[in-house]
Amino acid sequence: LCSFCPAGKAFSNSRSLCTSCILGLYQERNDRPSAACKACGDGFAAPNATDICRECTAGKTQIPATEYGCKACGSGQFAANNATACGDCPRGKVQGAATAREYETACTHCLSGLFQEHPGKSVCMNCKPGKYTSIKGSISCAECAPGQWADSAASVMCEKCSPGWSSHEDRTRCFQCPAGYHSKISGSAECEACDTNQRQFTDALGQVSCSVCPVGQESSG
């Protein structure tokens, strides 16, 4: 009793031996006098040697022809339907799942207060104290302006220093204006010296204005 070679095997005619398809190739027929093992096109892969090619769905890509099936993207990556390779999430976006889905849903914007300056990452980074970002999808954090401060990580805004105060150079805290200086408004970039030519002075920390020496007295600040 003669029969055609089964699916998953190749043969050139009814008198030739059946040979198994190598990994990655397929042959789905068992009713032909000849059949060749075939490779899938870009973005498609056969699940095994006897089944036809199937589209690689979002989050998976075609793997080398030495294996079967589509390969899931890793964290920090994405793939749309029919993709032949995984792509890295762009800067300002991350993908932390074990397997990716398609680009628009897999790579998510970093939240306000967080950033990611590198592509292909799975987590966002906190802005350091003294820095902030108020927008989603940031690739960097901005330093608080002079006269403002942020004492915690992942800040979305900076606070203004109170009148009589100004910000430290690292923008993580404010300091009281020293004696002889003052600041009138909140968010002052620096403390202003009292004008000794006008007999002005302060004798305490954190003053919002300068006092004036009585007539006949001079000021040393």
Protein backbone atom coordinates (compact mmCIF):
# COMPACT_ATOMS: atom_id res chain seq x y z
CA LEU A 1 0.00 0.00 0.00
CA CYS A 2 1.44 3.34 -1.08
CA SER A 3 0.57 6.69 0.47
CA PHE A 4 1.65 10.29 0.16
CA CYS A 5 4.12 11.66 2.66
CA PRO A 6 2.45 13.24 5.71
CA ALA A 7 2.38 16.93 6.56
CA GLY A 8 5.64 18.16 8.02
CA LYS A 9 7.72 16.25 5.46
CA ALA A 10 8.98 17.12 2.00
CA PHE A 11 9.15 14.93 -1.09
CA SER A 12 9.83 15.53 -4.77
CA ASN A 13 7.86 12.64 -6.31
CA SER A 14 6.06 9.42 -5.47
CA ARG A 15 9.29 7.42 -5.53
CA SER A 16 11.40 9.69 -3.32
CA LEU A 17 11.90 9.35 0.41
CA CYS A 18 10.06 11.68 2.76
CA THR A 19 12.33 14.09 4.62
CA SER A 20 11.34 16.11 7.68
CA CYS A 21 11.20 19.88 7.39
CA ILE A 22 14.02 21.57 9.22
CA LEU A 23 13.16 23.80 12.17
CA GLY A 24 11.32 26.96 11.16
CA LEU A 25 9.94 25.53 7.88
CA TYR A 26 6.59 23.88 7.37
CA GLN A 27 4.64 21.68 4.94
CA GLU A 28 0.93 21.39 5.63
CA ARG A 29 -0.25 18.96 2.89
CA ASN A 30 -0.53 15.15 2.90
CA ASP A 31 -2.34 14.65 -0.42
CA ARG A 32 0.18 15.72 -3.04
CA PRO A 33 2.67 13.72 -5.13
CA SER A 34 5.28 16.37 -4.34
CA ALA A 35 5.62 19.03 -1.66
CA ALA A 36 8.39 21.31 -0.43
CA CYS A 37 9.00 22.74 3.00
CA LYS A 38 8.27 26.46 3.03
CA ALA A 39 9.40 29.49 5.00
CA CYS A 40 7.02 32.13 6.33
CA GLY A 41 7.11 35.72 5.14
CA ASP A 42 8.09 38.73 7.21
CA GLY A 43 5.98 39.14 10.31
CA PHE A 44 4.60 35.59 10.16
CA ALA A 45 5.71 32.31 11.72
CA ALA A 46 4.58 28.70 11.65
CA PRO A 47 3.74 27.22 15.06
CA ASN A 48 5.14 23.82 14.01
CA ALA A 49 6.18 21.81 10.94
CA THR A 50 2.63 20.88 9.91
CA ASP A 51 0.71 24.16 10.35
CA ILE A 52 0.52 27.17 8.07
CA CYS A 53 2.06 30.55 8.89
CA ARG A 54 0.31 32.78 11.34
CA GLU A 55 0.62 36.51 11.84
CA CYS A 56 2.79 37.62 14.73
CA THR A 57 0.41 39.63 16.90
CA ALA A 58 1.22 42.84 18.74
CA GLY A 59 3.99 42.38 21.27
CA LYS A 60 5.55 39.48 19.38
CA THR A 61 7.90 39.28 16.41
CA GLN A 62 9.11 36.79 13.86
CA ILE A 63 12.02 34.80 15.20
CA PRO A 64 14.88 33.27 13.13
CA ALA A 65 13.92 30.52 10.70
CA THR A 66 15.59 27.94 12.91
CA GLU A 67 12.66 27.98 15.35
CA TYR A 68 8.86 27.92 15.34
CA GLY A 69 6.43 30.52 16.62
CA CYS A 70 6.66 34.23 17.32
CA LYS A 71 8.91 35.65 20.00
CA ALA A 72 7.57 37.95 22.74
CA CYS A 73 9.28 41.30 23.17
CA GLY A 74 11.03 41.96 26.46
CA SER A 75 10.55 44.77 28.96
CA GLY A 76 11.31 48.21 27.57
CA GLN A 77 10.27 47.11 24.07
CA PHE A 78 7.23 47.04 21.82
CA ALA A 79 6.05 45.54 18.55
CA ALA A 80 3.03 46.16 16.33
CA ASN A 81 1.29 43.47 14.28
CA ASN A 82 3.44 41.84 11.57
CA ALA A 83 6.62 43.13 13.18
CA THR A 84 9.91 41.47 12.31
CA ALA A 85 11.78 42.97 15.25
CA CYS A 86 11.03 44.50 18.63
CA GLY A 87 11.60 48.22 19.01
CA ASP A 88 12.81 50.12 22.06
CA CYS A 89 10.39 52.41 23.87
CA PRO A 90 11.44 56.00 23.15
CA ARG A 91 12.88 58.33 25.78
CA GLY A 92 10.26 59.52 28.24
CA LYS A 93 8.32 56.26 27.93
CA VAL A 94 8.75 52.84 29.52
CA GLN A 95 7.33 49.33 29.28
CA GLY A 96 7.71 47.24 32.39
CA ALA A 97 5.62 44.16 31.58
CA ALA A 98 7.26 40.79 31.08
CA THR A 99 5.98 40.77 27.51
CA ALA A 100 5.14 43.81 25.45
CA ARG A 101 1.97 44.74 23.66
CA GLU A 102 1.74 47.07 20.73
CA TYR A 103 3.46 50.44 20.86
CA GLU A 104 0.64 52.80 21.82
CA THR A 105 -0.42 50.81 24.87
CA ALA A 106 2.81 49.12 25.89
CA CYS A 107 5.12 52.12 26.15
CA THR A 108 3.62 54.47 28.71
CA HIS A 109 4.61 58.05 29.48
CA CYS A 110 6.58 58.65 32.65
CA LEU A 111 4.33 60.46 35.13
CA SER A 112 4.94 64.02 36.30
CA GLY A 113 7.89 64.09 38.70
CA LEU A 114 9.52 61.18 36.87
CA PHE A 115 11.70 60.95 33.77
CA GLN A 116 13.61 58.55 31.55
CA GLU A 117 16.46 59.85 29.43
CA HIS A 118 17.31 56.54 27.73
CA PRO A 119 15.29 54.46 25.23
CA GLY A 120 14.33 50.84 25.84
CA LYS A 121 13.84 51.11 29.61
CA SER A 122 11.32 49.42 31.90
CA VAL A 123 11.07 51.99 34.71
CA CYS A 124 11.03 55.77 35.10
CA MET A 125 13.44 57.59 37.41
CA ASN A 126 12.55 60.07 40.17
CA CYS A 127 13.57 63.68 39.81
CA LYS A 128 16.14 64.40 42.52
CA PRO A 129 15.42 66.92 45.31
CA GLY A 130 15.93 70.43 43.99
CA LYS A 131 14.59 69.42 40.58
CA TYR A 132 11.14 68.84 39.12
CA THR A 133 9.08 68.11 36.04
CA SER A 134 5.40 68.97 35.70
CA ILE A 135 4.74 67.19 32.41
CA LYS A 136 4.33 63.53 31.48
CA GLY A 137 6.86 61.81 29.27
CA SER A 138 9.82 63.90 30.44
CA ILE A 139 13.34 62.96 29.41
CA SER A 140 14.95 65.16 32.08
CA CYS A 141 14.15 67.25 35.15
CA ALA A 142 14.52 71.02 35.48
CA GLU A 143 16.30 72.69 38.39
CA CYS A 144 14.16 74.85 40.63
CA ALA A 145 14.61 78.54 39.89
CA PRO A 146 16.56 80.74 42.34
CA GLY A 147 14.29 81.56 45.26
CA GLN A 148 12.43 78.25 44.94
CA TRP A 149 12.98 74.80 46.43
CA ALA A 150 11.87 71.16 46.39
CA ASP A 151 12.98 68.98 49.30
CA SER A 152 11.65 65.62 48.09
CA ALA A 153 12.24 63.33 45.11
CA ALA A 154 9.72 63.11 42.25
CA SER A 155 8.56 66.71 42.69
CA VAL A 156 6.10 68.06 40.15
CA MET A 157 6.67 71.71 41.13
CA CYS A 158 8.91 73.91 43.25
CA GLU A 159 7.79 76.00 46.21
CA LYS A 160 8.71 79.64 46.63
CA CYS A 161 10.80 80.66 49.61
CA SER A 162 8.90 82.90 52.02
CA PRO A 163 9.68 86.64 52.37
CA GLY A 164 12.80 87.02 54.48
CA TRP A 165 14.21 83.81 53.01
CA SER A 166 16.05 82.69 49.86
CA SER A 167 16.95 79.32 48.39
CA HIS A 168 20.12 77.36 49.06
CA GLU A 169 22.35 76.79 46.03
CA ASP A 170 21.19 73.16 45.70
CA ARG A 171 17.53 74.33 45.69
CA THR A 172 16.56 71.72 48.27
CA ARG A 173 15.78 74.19 51.07
CA CYS A 174 15.54 77.87 51.94
CA PHE A 175 17.65 79.85 54.40
CA GLN A 176 16.88 82.95 56.40
CA CYS A 177 18.42 86.18 55.23
CA PRO A 178 21.30 87.03 57.60
CA ALA A 179 21.46 90.21 59.67
CA GLY A 180 22.04 93.19 57.41
CA TYR A 181 20.01 91.65 54.59
CA HIS A 182 16.35 91.24 53.72
CA SER A 183 13.96 89.97 51.05
CA LYS A 184 10.62 91.65 50.51
CA ILE A 185 8.73 89.09 48.44
CA SER A 186 8.32 85.33 48.29
CA GLY A 187 10.57 83.58 45.82
CA SER A 188 13.38 86.10 46.10
CA ALA A 189 16.42 84.91 44.16
CA GLU A 190 18.76 86.43 46.78
CA CYS A 191 18.72 88.45 49.94
CA GLU A 192 19.26 92.16 49.40
CA ALA A 193 21.72 94.09 51.55
CA CYS A 194 20.44 97.00 53.59
CA ASP A 195 21.70 100.37 52.32
CA THR A 196 24.07 101.66 54.99
CA ASN A 197 24.32 104.99 53.15
CA GLN A 198 20.65 105.42 54.02
CA ARG A 199 21.34 104.32 57.64
CA GLN A 200 19.43 101.06 57.03
CA PHE A 201 20.01 97.94 59.12
CA THR A 202 18.55 94.68 60.38
CA ASP A 203 19.59 93.07 63.64
CA ALA A 204 17.82 89.72 63.21
CA LEU A 205 17.55 86.85 60.73
CA GLY A 206 14.79 86.51 58.16
CA GLN A 207 13.77 90.12 57.84
CA VAL A 208 11.45 91.34 55.07
CA SER A 209 12.60 94.98 55.30
CA CYS A 210 15.34 97.11 56.78
CA SER A 211 14.95 99.49 59.70
CA VAL A 212 16.43 103.02 59.72
CA CYS A 213 18.81 104.23 62.38
CA PRO A 214 17.62 107.21 64.44
CA VAL A 215 18.88 110.64 63.42
CA GLY A 216 22.45 111.09 64.48
CA GLN A 217 23.30 107.39 64.30
CA GLU A 218 25.03 105.47 61.56
CA SER A 219 24.41 101.93 60.29
CA SER A 220 26.93 99.13 59.98
CA GLY A 221 24.30 96.93 58.32
